[in-house]
Amino acid sequence: MTTWTSHIRGRRVPVFLALLALAMLGPGTGTLPLQDRDEPRFAQAAREMMERRDWIVPTFNGDYRFDKPPLIYWMMMAFYAAGGVNEWTARAPSIVCAFLLAWLIWTAGARWFGHPTGLLAAVMALTHFQMAQHGRGAVADMPMILSVLAAQIALFEKLAERPDRPAFRGWFWVLYFAIGIGFLAKGPVAFLIPLLTVPVYWLFAGRPRLALMRLRPFLGACLALALIGAWGIPALMETDGEFARIGLGKHVLERGMEAFEGHGAPFFFYLLSSPVSLFPWSLFIPSAIVLAIRQRDPTVRFLAAWIVVTFVLFSLYATKLPHYVMPCYPAFFLLAARAIDLGVDPGRSAKVWSAVLFTIVGIAAVVLAIAAAAAWKAGPWPAGGMALLGASLLFVGLALIPRAVFRPGWGSVALAAMLTCAGTEALARGLRGINPTLRAMPALASLPPDTRCAFSSFREPSVVFYTNRRWQTVDEGEELRRFAEGPGPRALLVRLHEQRLKPSGSRPPDPEREAWFLSLTNLGYEISRTDGWNAARSSRVILGVAVRRGEGERRVE
């Protein structure tokens, strides 16, 4: 185990973890535009709730938003009230939750395995690739992951109670309060993972006799349901039950049975994606596996059960995204840190795994750097080259973090920190520079208050957030023409051309559409064109922006 952990103890630990969280997640957070499609929906829904002074039912673009329960909106509203509505305040709840997550991991690790193991696991939690994304995301994942961690810690403490030692009575309240809060963050996953962990732990631990009545499940379920019902009952009444039918029916059950928005993948998807998500600490996956197999310690078996349950649960789920299994990452970090503490040697396989992993990452970093140079020299947006270069620097910086942790010195720490922070900031600035919504904003600035807005084909939620206006979706053809010919101030955002990475999804230039767009000047519109990289569709898109600030006088011929 590294020696630096002995110098950071007691009250210094929260301060150290807070500074590390800010160093890893602060750079670029206020620069990076909200990424379509989820971030703008969450951020705008919180703004609309705040403007309506409604704490019950979220809306987006004036319509009900049933995707997620309200906890993340409440947290965003609190930061909006303190610091205004912007990218930083929308993402601040996730950064706070990331710090609390690391603090809880340290607390549990120190209690179960000792202070050095807990602190190393907490550092791992703040410095892996997926945390670099979701630790600053304006989405509901971090509050849910934090709640699952608290519930799992309390669950194990209740299961591990012994008659010969006094127990902390508060674990009961922590367990069920965390389950209730977790449901308010992201629904049923908050209680499914603890519920399924118990039987798997029983199997892994050799079928011991578990005093399940210590959990007082009936009383605990009533406590969690009361917490959920304090919001859920008013929400169901206000929406005539639609929150349950759509929120649980469509966004939970249907996602489980059918791939949502094309996010389908094979059963083994997370076995391939997790080494990338956990990088650079995926280096210790072999050590963690060997420890879980050889070590009969009940704590190790509980952590292994926690990981297996999460992986199997989401592997059976039809809709798959890399971050879905993040609720079990704290268990992995604790296992990996424990394996390092015990000096677990997985044999030759670890060296092969390390060589393969760092070779792949090195090749990716070089390819990104070459692509950045090409984009900077001949690409349509120099900012695209900056984004690619930033991604390359970020990977290199992450790759250097283990060396900075295990062989600490001012040089190694400074180099890892500089590359990680500079890469993140460059990536954020580059993505901001090529974001099509932000590139269209100058043409949509200073619209009259009564302007009617519509978008066609390009219907990204970021347009709603950055204009803070209600946008009407219109289909191409006659409906679009009728809207353009309507009276009063109007704004139109039309996708004219799109070039996707998959050629089959591209949209070639249409001379007839171009001619119609140019003819909008006959109706008093000011027209302009802009382009950018639409990350949500992995495409280069050319947008037409038409704005009329007064009444139209002539019709399109």
Protein backbone atom coordinates (compact mmCIF):
# COMPACT_ATOMS: atom_id res chain seq x y z
CA MET A 1 0.00 0.00 0.00
CA THR A 2 1.20 3.50 -0.73
CA THR A 3 2.76 5.57 2.07
CA TRP A 4 0.94 8.83 1.37
CA THR A 5 -2.31 7.46 2.83
CA SER A 6 -0.77 7.59 6.30
CA HIS A 7 -0.39 11.37 6.03
CA ILE A 8 -4.03 12.01 5.15
CA ARG A 9 -6.17 11.04 8.11
CA GLY A 10 -9.04 12.27 10.23
CA ARG A 11 -10.43 15.64 9.25
CA ARG A 12 -7.97 15.96 6.39
CA VAL A 13 -9.70 13.18 4.42
CA PRO A 14 -12.93 15.06 3.54
CA VAL A 15 -10.90 18.14 2.59
CA PHE A 16 -8.56 16.06 0.44
CA LEU A 17 -11.45 14.28 -1.31
CA ALA A 18 -13.29 17.57 -1.89
CA LEU A 19 -10.19 19.10 -3.49
CA LEU A 20 -9.65 16.00 -5.61
CA ALA A 21 -13.28 16.04 -6.74
CA LEU A 22 -12.98 19.69 -7.76
CA ALA A 23 -9.67 19.06 -9.53
CA MET A 24 -11.09 16.13 -11.52
CA LEU A 25 -14.60 17.45 -12.18
CA GLY A 26 -14.27 21.22 -12.07
CA PRO A 27 -12.29 21.91 -15.27
CA GLY A 28 -14.51 22.26 -18.30
CA THR A 29 -17.76 21.86 -16.40
CA GLY A 30 -18.94 25.40 -17.05
CA THR A 31 -17.57 25.39 -20.61
CA LEU A 32 -18.88 22.07 -21.86
CA PRO A 33 -22.30 22.61 -23.46
CA LEU A 34 -25.16 20.51 -22.18
CA GLN A 35 -25.00 17.35 -24.24
CA ASP A 36 -28.07 16.30 -26.17
CA ARG A 37 -30.29 14.68 -25.42
CA ASP A 38 -30.53 14.04 -21.68
CA GLU A 39 -28.66 16.91 -20.04
CA PRO A 40 -30.75 19.75 -21.55
CA ARG A 41 -33.98 17.93 -20.68
CA PHE A 42 -33.03 17.63 -17.02
CA ALA A 43 -31.64 21.16 -16.81
CA GLN A 44 -34.63 22.78 -18.53
CA ALA A 45 -37.18 20.73 -16.57
CA ALA A 46 -35.64 21.99 -13.32
CA ARG A 47 -35.77 25.57 -14.63
CA GLU A 48 -39.44 25.23 -15.63
CA MET A 49 -40.32 23.79 -12.21
CA MET A 50 -38.55 26.71 -10.55
CA GLU A 51 -40.28 29.27 -12.75
CA ARG A 52 -43.69 27.70 -12.01
CA ARG A 53 -42.79 27.22 -8.34
CA ASP A 54 -43.90 23.62 -8.72
CA TRP A 55 -42.07 20.97 -6.66
CA ILE A 56 -44.22 18.04 -7.76
CA VAL A 57 -44.45 17.53 -11.52
CA PRO A 58 -41.54 18.27 -13.87
CA THR A 59 -42.18 19.55 -17.38
CA PHE A 60 -39.98 20.03 -20.41
CA ASN A 61 -40.89 22.46 -23.18
CA GLY A 62 -44.21 22.95 -21.41
CA ASP A 63 -45.17 19.25 -21.51
CA TYR A 64 -45.08 16.70 -18.70
CA ARG A 65 -41.74 14.94 -18.28
CA PHE A 66 -42.29 11.52 -16.76
CA ASP A 67 -38.83 10.06 -17.43
CA LYS A 68 -37.43 10.39 -13.91
CA PRO A 69 -38.60 11.19 -10.36
CA PRO A 70 -37.94 14.69 -9.01
CA LEU A 71 -34.86 14.48 -6.77
CA ILE A 72 -32.36 15.71 -9.36
CA TYR A 73 -34.69 18.58 -10.30
CA TRP A 74 -34.95 19.65 -6.67
CA MET A 75 -31.17 19.63 -6.36
CA MET A 76 -30.73 21.64 -9.56
CA MET A 77 -33.35 24.15 -8.43
CA ALA A 78 -31.41 24.75 -5.23
CA PHE A 79 -28.23 25.49 -7.18
CA TYR A 80 -30.13 27.62 -9.71
CA ALA A 81 -31.47 29.73 -6.84
CA ALA A 82 -27.94 30.22 -5.53
CA GLY A 83 -25.99 30.71 -8.74
CA GLY A 84 -28.40 31.27 -11.64
CA VAL A 85 -29.25 28.92 -14.49
CA ASN A 86 -26.15 27.77 -16.35
CA GLU A 87 -24.12 24.68 -17.14
CA TRP A 88 -22.21 24.82 -13.85
CA THR A 89 -25.25 24.96 -11.58
CA ALA A 90 -27.03 22.28 -13.61
CA ARG A 91 -24.07 19.93 -13.09
CA ALA A 92 -23.16 20.93 -9.53
CA PRO A 93 -25.47 18.31 -7.91
CA SER A 94 -23.54 15.52 -9.60
CA ILE A 95 -20.19 16.94 -8.45
CA VAL A 96 -21.45 17.16 -4.87
CA CYS A 97 -22.74 13.59 -5.08
CA ALA A 98 -19.40 12.43 -6.51
CA PHE A 99 -17.61 13.89 -3.47
CA LEU A 100 -20.10 12.30 -1.07
CA LEU A 101 -19.73 9.00 -2.91
CA ALA A 102 -15.96 9.06 -2.41
CA TRP A 103 -16.39 10.03 1.24
CA LEU A 104 -18.78 7.12 1.84
CA ILE A 105 -16.44 4.69 0.07
CA TRP A 106 -13.60 5.84 2.31
CA THR A 107 -15.82 5.51 5.39
CA ALA A 108 -16.92 1.97 4.49
CA GLY A 109 -13.45 0.88 3.37
CA ALA A 110 -11.82 2.20 6.53
CA ARG A 111 -14.43 0.42 8.66
CA TRP A 112 -14.17 -2.89 6.82
CA PHE A 113 -10.52 -3.06 5.71
CA GLY A 114 -8.62 -0.17 7.26
CA HIS A 115 -7.97 3.49 6.47
CA PRO A 116 -5.39 3.05 3.64
CA THR A 117 -7.68 0.70 1.70
CA GLY A 118 -10.68 2.97 2.10
CA LEU A 119 -8.78 6.07 1.00
CA LEU A 120 -7.28 4.35 -2.04
CA ALA A 121 -10.74 3.11 -3.08
CA ALA A 122 -12.12 6.64 -2.72
CA VAL A 123 -9.33 8.03 -4.92
CA MET A 124 -10.09 5.37 -7.52
CA ALA A 125 -13.75 6.35 -7.46
CA LEU A 126 -12.95 9.97 -8.36
CA THR A 127 -10.35 9.27 -11.04
CA HIS A 128 -11.84 6.80 -13.52
CA PHE A 129 -13.07 7.54 -17.03
CA GLN A 130 -16.80 7.09 -16.44
CA MET A 131 -16.65 9.41 -13.43
CA ALA A 132 -15.05 12.05 -15.66
CA GLN A 133 -18.29 11.98 -17.65
CA HIS A 134 -21.12 11.30 -15.21
CA GLY A 135 -19.48 12.91 -12.21
CA ARG A 136 -20.23 16.22 -13.91
CA GLY A 137 -23.37 15.20 -15.82
CA ALA A 138 -26.63 17.12 -15.48
CA VAL A 139 -28.49 13.82 -15.11
CA ALA A 140 -29.97 11.70 -12.32
CA ASP A 141 -27.30 8.98 -12.08
CA MET A 142 -24.98 10.28 -9.37
CA PRO A 143 -27.71 10.79 -6.71
CA MET A 144 -28.97 7.27 -7.45
CA ILE A 145 -25.48 5.71 -7.25
CA LEU A 146 -24.84 7.53 -3.97
CA SER A 147 -28.13 6.21 -2.57
CA VAL A 148 -27.39 2.63 -3.64
CA LEU A 149 -23.96 2.84 -1.98
CA ALA A 150 -25.46 4.07 1.30
CA ALA A 151 -28.13 1.36 1.18
CA GLN A 152 -25.58 -1.39 0.48
CA ILE A 153 -23.30 -0.28 3.31
CA ALA A 154 -26.21 -0.27 5.74
CA LEU A 155 -27.49 -3.61 4.40
CA PHE A 156 -24.17 -5.35 5.03
CA GLU A 157 -23.81 -3.80 8.45
CA LYS A 158 -27.24 -5.16 9.39
CA LEU A 159 -26.46 -8.60 7.98
CA ALA A 160 -23.07 -8.68 9.73
CA GLU A 161 -24.42 -7.79 13.18
CA ARG A 162 -23.23 -10.15 15.92
CA PRO A 163 -24.82 -10.72 19.31
CA ASP A 164 -21.44 -10.28 21.04
CA ARG A 165 -20.94 -6.69 19.94
CA PRO A 166 -23.19 -3.65 20.13
CA ALA A 167 -24.78 -2.61 16.84
CA PHE A 168 -25.38 0.88 15.54
CA ARG A 169 -29.17 1.24 15.54
CA GLY A 170 -29.03 3.90 12.86
CA TRP A 171 -28.22 1.42 10.07
CA PHE A 172 -31.90 0.53 9.80
CA TRP A 173 -32.80 4.14 9.10
CA VAL A 174 -29.89 4.60 6.70
CA LEU A 175 -30.91 1.51 4.71
CA TYR A 176 -34.52 2.40 4.08
CA PHE A 177 -34.04 6.15 3.88
CA ALA A 178 -31.39 5.54 1.18
CA ILE A 179 -33.75 3.21 -0.71
CA GLY A 180 -36.51 5.83 -0.62
CA ILE A 181 -34.20 8.64 -1.70
CA GLY A 182 -32.72 6.41 -4.40
CA PHE A 183 -36.19 5.75 -5.79
CA LEU A 184 -36.81 9.50 -5.90
CA ALA A 185 -33.54 9.79 -7.83
CA LYS A 186 -34.03 7.13 -10.51
CA GLY A 187 -36.76 4.68 -9.67
CA PRO A 188 -36.80 0.96 -8.78
CA VAL A 189 -33.09 0.23 -9.25
CA ALA A 190 -32.53 1.73 -5.78
CA PHE A 191 -34.28 -1.19 -4.08
CA LEU A 192 -33.72 -3.92 -6.69
CA ILE A 193 -29.94 -4.03 -6.18
CA PRO A 194 -30.09 -4.38 -2.35
CA LEU A 195 -32.99 -6.84 -2.60
CA LEU A 196 -31.19 -9.12 -5.06
CA THR A 197 -27.84 -8.82 -3.31
CA VAL A 198 -29.11 -10.67 -0.22
CA PRO A 199 -29.76 -14.12 -1.82
CA VAL A 200 -26.61 -13.92 -3.98
CA TYR A 201 -24.53 -13.01 -0.93
CA TRP A 202 -26.08 -15.95 0.91
CA LEU A 203 -24.91 -18.27 -1.88
CA PHE A 204 -21.44 -16.75 -2.16
CA ALA A 205 -20.90 -16.78 1.61
CA GLY A 206 -21.59 -20.54 1.85
CA ARG A 207 -25.29 -20.39 2.75
CA PRO A 208 -24.90 -19.09 6.30
CA ARG A 209 -27.89 -18.52 8.52
CA LEU A 210 -28.92 -14.92 7.96
CA ALA A 211 -31.01 -13.22 10.58
CA LEU A 212 -33.15 -11.47 7.99
CA MET A 213 -35.60 -10.25 10.59
CA ARG A 214 -32.91 -7.84 11.74
CA LEU A 215 -33.71 -5.94 8.58
CA ARG A 216 -37.33 -5.47 9.76
CA PRO A 217 -38.46 -5.51 6.13
CA PHE A 218 -42.11 -4.67 6.72
CA LEU A 219 -41.39 -1.61 8.85
CA GLY A 220 -38.57 -0.60 6.50
CA ALA A 221 -40.78 -0.91 3.43
CA CYS A 222 -43.37 1.30 5.11
CA LEU A 223 -40.70 3.91 5.85
CA ALA A 224 -39.40 3.90 2.25
CA LEU A 225 -42.93 3.97 0.81
CA ALA A 226 -43.89 6.87 3.07
CA LEU A 227 -40.89 8.80 1.80
CA ILE A 228 -41.73 8.01 -1.82
CA GLY A 229 -45.45 8.61 -1.32
CA ALA A 230 -44.90 12.10 0.08
CA TRP A 231 -44.07 13.09 -3.49
CA GLY A 232 -45.62 10.22 -5.48
CA ILE A 233 -49.22 10.54 -4.30
CA PRO A 234 -49.53 14.25 -5.18
CA ALA A 235 -47.77 13.58 -8.50
CA LEU A 236 -50.17 10.77 -9.39
CA MET A 237 -53.17 12.88 -8.41
CA GLU A 238 -51.99 15.88 -10.42
CA THR A 239 -51.29 13.81 -13.56
CA ASP A 240 -54.25 11.40 -13.24
CA GLY A 241 -51.88 8.46 -12.81
CA GLU A 242 -49.82 9.21 -15.92
CA PHE A 243 -46.62 9.49 -13.90
CA ALA A 244 -46.85 5.81 -12.97
CA ARG A 245 -48.13 4.58 -16.34
CA ILE A 246 -45.46 6.37 -18.37
CA GLY A 247 -42.66 6.79 -15.83
CA LEU A 248 -42.68 3.16 -14.71
CA GLY A 249 -44.46 1.54 -17.63
CA LYS A 250 -42.58 3.10 -20.52
CA HIS A 251 -39.31 4.30 -19.04
CA VAL A 252 -38.66 1.28 -16.80
CA LEU A 253 -40.54 -1.79 -18.02
CA GLU A 254 -40.47 -1.06 -21.76
CA ARG A 255 -36.78 -0.13 -21.62
CA GLY A 256 -36.20 -3.51 -20.04
CA MET A 257 -38.01 -5.44 -22.75
CA GLU A 258 -37.08 -3.39 -25.83
CA ALA A 259 -34.01 -1.34 -26.67
CA PHE A 260 -34.88 2.34 -26.13
CA GLU A 261 -33.78 4.89 -28.77
CA GLY A 262 -31.57 2.28 -30.42
CA HIS A 263 -29.47 1.58 -27.31
CA GLY A 264 -29.47 -2.17 -27.66
CA ALA A 265 -26.42 -4.42 -27.22
CA PRO A 266 -25.50 -8.09 -26.65
CA PHE A 267 -25.73 -9.71 -23.22
CA PHE A 268 -21.96 -9.42 -22.72
CA PHE A 269 -21.91 -5.67 -23.48
CA TYR A 270 -20.81 -4.63 -19.97
CA LEU A 271 -17.93 -7.09 -19.97
CA LEU A 272 -16.52 -5.09 -22.90
CA SER A 273 -17.51 -1.57 -21.85
CA SER A 274 -16.55 -1.71 -18.16
CA PRO A 275 -12.77 -1.92 -18.73
CA VAL A 276 -13.06 1.37 -20.62
CA SER A 277 -15.40 2.92 -18.06
CA LEU A 278 -13.14 1.92 -15.15
CA PHE A 279 -9.90 3.00 -16.84
CA PRO A 280 -7.20 3.32 -15.52
CA TRP A 281 -8.27 1.20 -12.54
CA SER A 282 -9.48 -1.59 -14.81
CA LEU A 283 -5.80 -2.52 -14.58
CA PHE A 284 -6.74 -4.28 -11.31
CA ILE A 285 -9.73 -6.27 -12.56
CA PRO A 286 -7.72 -9.56 -12.49
CA SER A 287 -6.58 -8.87 -8.90
CA ALA A 288 -10.13 -8.12 -7.78
CA ILE A 289 -11.44 -11.32 -9.41
CA VAL A 290 -8.75 -13.46 -7.78
CA LEU A 291 -9.46 -11.88 -4.38
CA ALA A 292 -13.22 -12.48 -4.74
CA ILE A 293 -12.62 -16.14 -5.59
CA ARG A 294 -9.94 -16.96 -3.00
CA GLN A 295 -10.92 -14.79 -0.04
CA ARG A 296 -13.71 -16.18 2.15
CA ASP A 297 -14.08 -12.96 4.10
CA PRO A 298 -17.85 -12.17 4.30
CA THR A 299 -17.18 -8.55 3.32
CA VAL A 300 -15.38 -9.61 0.14
CA ARG A 301 -18.19 -12.04 -0.70
CA PHE A 302 -20.77 -9.29 -0.18
CA LEU A 303 -18.90 -6.97 -2.55
CA ALA A 304 -18.67 -9.75 -5.13
CA ALA A 305 -22.41 -10.43 -4.84
CA TRP A 306 -23.11 -6.71 -5.27
CA ILE A 307 -21.10 -6.62 -8.51
CA VAL A 308 -22.60 -9.82 -9.94
CA VAL A 309 -26.18 -8.73 -9.20
CA THR A 310 -25.68 -5.36 -10.91
CA PHE A 311 -24.03 -6.86 -13.98
CA VAL A 312 -26.62 -9.61 -14.43
CA LEU A 313 -29.55 -7.25 -13.81
CA PHE A 314 -28.49 -4.74 -16.44
CA SER A 315 -27.22 -7.39 -18.85
CA LEU A 316 -30.76 -8.80 -18.91
CA TYR A 317 -32.13 -5.29 -19.45
CA ALA A 318 -32.77 -4.66 -23.16
CA THR A 319 -31.64 -1.03 -23.16
CA LYS A 320 -27.91 -0.81 -22.46
CA LEU A 321 -25.63 2.15 -21.86
CA PRO A 322 -22.11 1.97 -20.36
CA HIS A 323 -23.00 3.90 -17.19
CA TYR A 324 -25.93 1.69 -16.18
CA VAL A 325 -23.64 -0.59 -14.12
CA MET A 326 -22.02 2.30 -12.23
CA PRO A 327 -23.95 1.42 -9.00
CA CYS A 328 -21.55 -1.51 -8.50
CA TYR A 329 -18.35 0.43 -9.19
CA PRO A 330 -17.86 1.33 -5.49
CA ALA A 331 -17.79 -2.41 -4.74
CA PHE A 332 -15.14 -2.93 -7.41
CA PHE A 333 -12.96 -0.11 -6.08
CA LEU A 334 -13.15 -1.55 -2.56
CA LEU A 335 -12.25 -5.01 -3.88
CA ALA A 336 -9.40 -3.68 -5.99
CA ALA A 337 -7.99 -1.57 -3.14
CA ARG A 338 -8.22 -4.56 -0.81
CA ALA A 339 -6.41 -6.75 -3.34
CA ILE A 340 -3.62 -4.17 -3.60
CA ASP A 341 -3.44 -3.96 0.21
CA LEU A 342 -3.09 -7.74 0.51
CA GLY A 343 -0.64 -7.98 -2.38
CA VAL A 344 -2.84 -10.37 -4.35
CA ASP A 345 -0.91 -11.74 -7.32
CA PRO A 346 -3.15 -12.85 -10.19
CA GLY A 347 -0.16 -14.27 -12.02
CA ARG A 348 0.91 -13.83 -15.60
CA SER A 349 -2.61 -12.95 -16.70
CA ALA A 350 -2.30 -9.56 -14.97
CA LYS A 351 0.77 -8.63 -17.02
CA VAL A 352 -0.92 -9.66 -20.25
CA TRP A 353 -4.07 -7.76 -19.28
CA SER A 354 -2.05 -4.66 -18.38
CA ALA A 355 -0.13 -4.77 -21.66
CA VAL A 356 -3.30 -5.19 -23.74
CA LEU A 357 -5.17 -2.47 -21.87
CA PHE A 358 -2.47 0.17 -22.10
CA THR A 359 -1.66 -0.73 -25.70
CA ILE A 360 -5.29 -0.14 -26.69
CA VAL A 361 -5.42 3.14 -24.77
CA GLY A 362 -2.09 4.25 -26.24
CA ILE A 363 -3.25 3.52 -29.77
CA ALA A 364 -6.50 5.38 -29.10
CA ALA A 365 -4.60 8.40 -27.76
CA VAL A 366 -2.29 8.47 -30.81
CA VAL A 367 -5.20 8.10 -33.25
CA LEU A 368 -7.05 10.94 -31.53
CA ALA A 369 -3.96 13.15 -31.67
CA ILE A 370 -3.47 12.44 -35.39
CA ALA A 371 -7.15 13.09 -36.06
CA ALA A 372 -6.86 16.33 -34.08
CA ALA A 373 -3.95 17.50 -36.23
CA ALA A 374 -5.86 16.64 -39.41
CA ALA A 375 -9.02 18.39 -38.20
CA TRP A 376 -7.07 21.47 -37.16
CA LYS A 377 -5.35 21.70 -40.51
CA ALA A 378 -8.09 20.86 -42.99
CA GLY A 379 -11.32 20.28 -41.09
CA PRO A 380 -14.38 22.54 -41.18
CA TRP A 381 -14.00 23.53 -37.51
CA PRO A 382 -10.64 24.09 -35.76
CA ALA A 383 -12.55 23.56 -32.52
CA GLY A 384 -13.10 19.96 -33.58
CA GLY A 385 -9.35 19.45 -33.54
CA MET A 386 -9.21 20.95 -30.05
CA ALA A 387 -11.87 18.48 -28.87
CA LEU A 388 -9.98 15.51 -30.29
CA LEU A 389 -6.68 16.71 -28.81
CA GLY A 390 -8.39 17.19 -25.45
CA ALA A 391 -9.71 13.62 -25.52
CA SER A 392 -6.21 12.34 -26.29
CA LEU A 393 -4.66 14.31 -23.42
CA LEU A 394 -7.40 13.14 -21.06
CA PHE A 395 -6.67 9.48 -21.78
CA VAL A 396 -2.94 10.00 -21.30
CA GLY A 397 -3.54 11.89 -18.05
CA LEU A 398 -5.78 9.13 -16.70
CA ALA A 399 -3.18 6.53 -17.68
CA LEU A 400 -0.59 8.34 -15.55
CA ILE A 401 -2.74 8.52 -12.42
CA PRO A 402 -1.82 5.04 -11.07
CA ARG A 403 1.86 5.98 -11.22
CA ALA A 404 1.11 9.22 -9.36
CA VAL A 405 -0.77 7.21 -6.72
CA PHE A 406 1.69 4.35 -6.19
CA ARG A 407 4.92 6.26 -6.81
CA PRO A 408 3.97 9.70 -5.56
CA GLY A 409 6.23 12.60 -6.33
CA TRP A 410 5.67 16.19 -7.34
CA GLY A 411 6.62 15.46 -10.93
CA SER A 412 4.30 12.49 -11.49
CA VAL A 413 1.38 14.11 -9.65
CA ALA A 414 1.79 17.42 -11.48
CA LEU A 415 2.05 15.77 -14.90
CA ALA A 416 -1.04 13.59 -14.38
CA ALA A 417 -3.02 16.54 -13.01
CA MET A 418 -1.91 18.91 -15.78
CA LEU A 419 -2.74 16.50 -18.63
CA THR A 420 -6.08 15.46 -17.12
CA CYS A 421 -7.24 19.01 -16.39
CA ALA A 422 -5.89 20.49 -19.64
CA GLY A 423 -7.39 17.63 -21.66
CA THR A 424 -10.78 18.06 -20.04
CA GLU A 425 -10.81 21.82 -20.59
CA ALA A 426 -9.66 21.49 -24.20
CA LEU A 427 -12.30 18.83 -24.86
CA ALA A 428 -15.01 21.04 -23.35
CA ARG A 429 -13.96 24.13 -25.32
CA GLY A 430 -13.73 22.14 -28.52
CA LEU A 431 -17.18 20.61 -28.11
CA ARG A 432 -18.60 24.04 -27.32
CA GLY A 433 -17.08 25.43 -30.49
CA ILE A 434 -18.67 22.80 -32.75
CA ASN A 435 -22.03 22.53 -30.99
CA PRO A 436 -24.69 23.30 -33.63
CA THR A 437 -27.20 24.68 -31.15
CA LEU A 438 -24.76 27.22 -29.70
CA ARG A 439 -23.58 28.17 -33.18
CA ALA A 440 -27.20 28.99 -34.04
CA MET A 441 -27.79 31.07 -30.88
CA PRO A 442 -26.56 34.47 -32.21
CA ALA A 443 -29.28 34.38 -34.86
CA LEU A 444 -31.89 33.50 -32.21
CA ALA A 445 -30.87 36.18 -29.72
CA SER A 446 -33.11 39.07 -28.68
CA LEU A 447 -36.34 37.62 -30.04
CA PRO A 448 -39.54 39.52 -29.18
CA PRO A 449 -41.35 37.99 -26.19
CA ASP A 450 -44.32 36.88 -28.32
CA THR A 451 -42.19 35.06 -30.92
CA ARG A 452 -43.52 31.64 -31.90
CA CYS A 453 -40.69 29.14 -32.36
CA ALA A 454 -40.61 25.89 -34.30
CA PHE A 455 -37.97 23.37 -35.30
CA SER A 456 -38.11 20.76 -38.01
CA SER A 457 -35.87 17.68 -38.32
CA PHE A 458 -33.33 19.16 -35.89
CA ARG A 459 -35.30 18.87 -32.63
CA GLU A 460 -32.57 18.70 -30.02
CA PRO A 461 -33.55 19.61 -26.43
CA SER A 462 -30.55 21.93 -26.12
CA VAL A 463 -32.41 24.43 -28.34
CA VAL A 464 -35.12 24.68 -25.69
CA PHE A 465 -32.63 25.13 -22.83
CA TYR A 466 -30.38 27.71 -24.46
CA THR A 467 -33.27 29.86 -25.72
CA ASN A 468 -35.54 29.20 -22.71
CA ARG A 469 -38.53 29.29 -25.04
CA ARG A 470 -41.19 26.81 -25.96
CA TRP A 471 -40.51 25.22 -29.33
CA GLN A 472 -43.17 23.66 -31.50
CA THR A 473 -42.26 20.53 -33.46
CA VAL A 474 -43.46 20.71 -37.07
CA ASP A 475 -43.15 18.13 -39.80
CA GLU A 476 -41.62 19.00 -43.12
CA GLY A 477 -43.79 19.84 -46.05
CA GLU A 478 -47.16 21.53 -45.77
CA GLU A 479 -47.12 21.85 -41.97
CA LEU A 480 -43.78 23.65 -42.08
CA ARG A 481 -44.99 25.97 -44.83
CA ARG A 482 -48.16 26.84 -42.92
CA PHE A 483 -46.17 27.71 -39.82
CA ALA A 484 -43.77 29.92 -41.82
CA GLU A 485 -46.68 31.78 -43.43
CA GLY A 486 -48.42 32.43 -40.10
CA PRO A 487 -48.67 35.97 -38.70
CA GLY A 488 -46.50 37.66 -36.12
CA PRO A 489 -42.88 37.21 -34.99
CA ARG A 490 -41.60 33.72 -35.72
CA ALA A 491 -38.41 31.70 -35.52
CA LEU A 492 -37.63 28.59 -37.54
CA LEU A 493 -34.79 26.11 -37.12
CA VAL A 494 -34.56 23.68 -40.03
CA ARG A 495 -32.06 20.92 -40.75
CA LEU A 496 -30.94 21.43 -44.33
CA HIS A 497 -28.25 18.78 -44.64
CA GLU A 498 -26.81 16.03 -42.46
CA GLN A 499 -23.80 13.79 -42.94
CA ARG A 500 -23.69 10.88 -40.50
CA LEU A 501 -20.91 8.41 -39.80
CA LYS A 502 -23.32 5.80 -41.14
CA PRO A 503 -23.92 6.83 -44.76
CA SER A 504 -27.39 5.25 -44.73
CA GLY A 505 -28.54 7.81 -42.15
CA SER A 506 -27.22 10.85 -43.98
CA ARG A 507 -29.44 13.47 -45.55
CA PRO A 508 -28.10 14.83 -48.84
CA PRO A 509 -28.71 18.43 -49.94
CA ASP A 510 -32.15 18.98 -51.46
CA PRO A 511 -32.28 21.87 -54.00
CA GLU A 512 -36.03 22.23 -53.53
CA ARG A 513 -35.71 22.57 -49.75
CA GLU A 514 -32.84 25.02 -50.17
CA ALA A 515 -34.88 27.13 -52.60
CA TRP A 516 -37.86 27.19 -50.22
CA PHE A 517 -35.64 28.23 -47.32
CA LEU A 518 -34.12 31.09 -49.36
CA SER A 519 -37.60 32.24 -50.39
CA LEU A 520 -38.51 32.92 -46.75
CA THR A 521 -37.03 36.38 -47.22
CA ASN A 522 -40.23 37.15 -49.16
CA LEU A 523 -42.12 36.72 -45.88
CA GLY A 524 -39.89 39.15 -44.02
CA TYR A 525 -37.57 36.57 -42.51
CA GLU A 526 -33.89 37.13 -41.82
CA ILE A 527 -32.18 33.90 -42.81
CA SER A 528 -28.78 32.46 -41.97
CA ARG A 529 -27.01 29.11 -42.05
CA THR A 530 -24.75 27.43 -39.56
CA ASP A 531 -23.23 24.03 -39.08
CA GLY A 532 -21.82 21.88 -36.30
CA TRP A 533 -21.32 18.41 -34.92
CA ASN A 534 -24.48 16.86 -33.48
CA ALA A 535 -23.07 14.46 -30.87
CA ALA A 536 -26.48 12.92 -30.22
CA ARG A 537 -26.58 11.57 -33.78
CA SER A 538 -22.84 11.45 -34.50
CA SER A 539 -23.32 13.67 -37.53
CA ARG A 540 -22.28 16.91 -39.12
CA VAL A 541 -25.41 18.99 -39.56
CA ILE A 542 -26.13 22.18 -41.50
CA LEU A 543 -28.96 24.23 -40.03
CA GLY A 544 -31.07 26.96 -41.52
CA VAL A 545 -32.20 29.68 -39.11
CA ALA A 546 -35.05 31.99 -40.12
CA VAL A 547 -36.23 34.80 -37.84
CA ARG A 548 -39.01 37.32 -38.39
CA ARG A 549 -39.29 39.96 -35.70
CA GLY A 550 -42.49 41.59 -36.98
CA GLU A 551 -45.46 40.87 -39.24
CA GLY A 552 -44.95 39.18 -42.60
CA GLU A 553 -46.13 41.08 -45.67
CA ARG A 554 -45.68 38.79 -48.65
CA ARG A 555 -46.22 35.11 -49.27
CA VAL A 556 -43.73 32.62 -50.58
CA GLU A 557 -44.25 32.10 -54.28
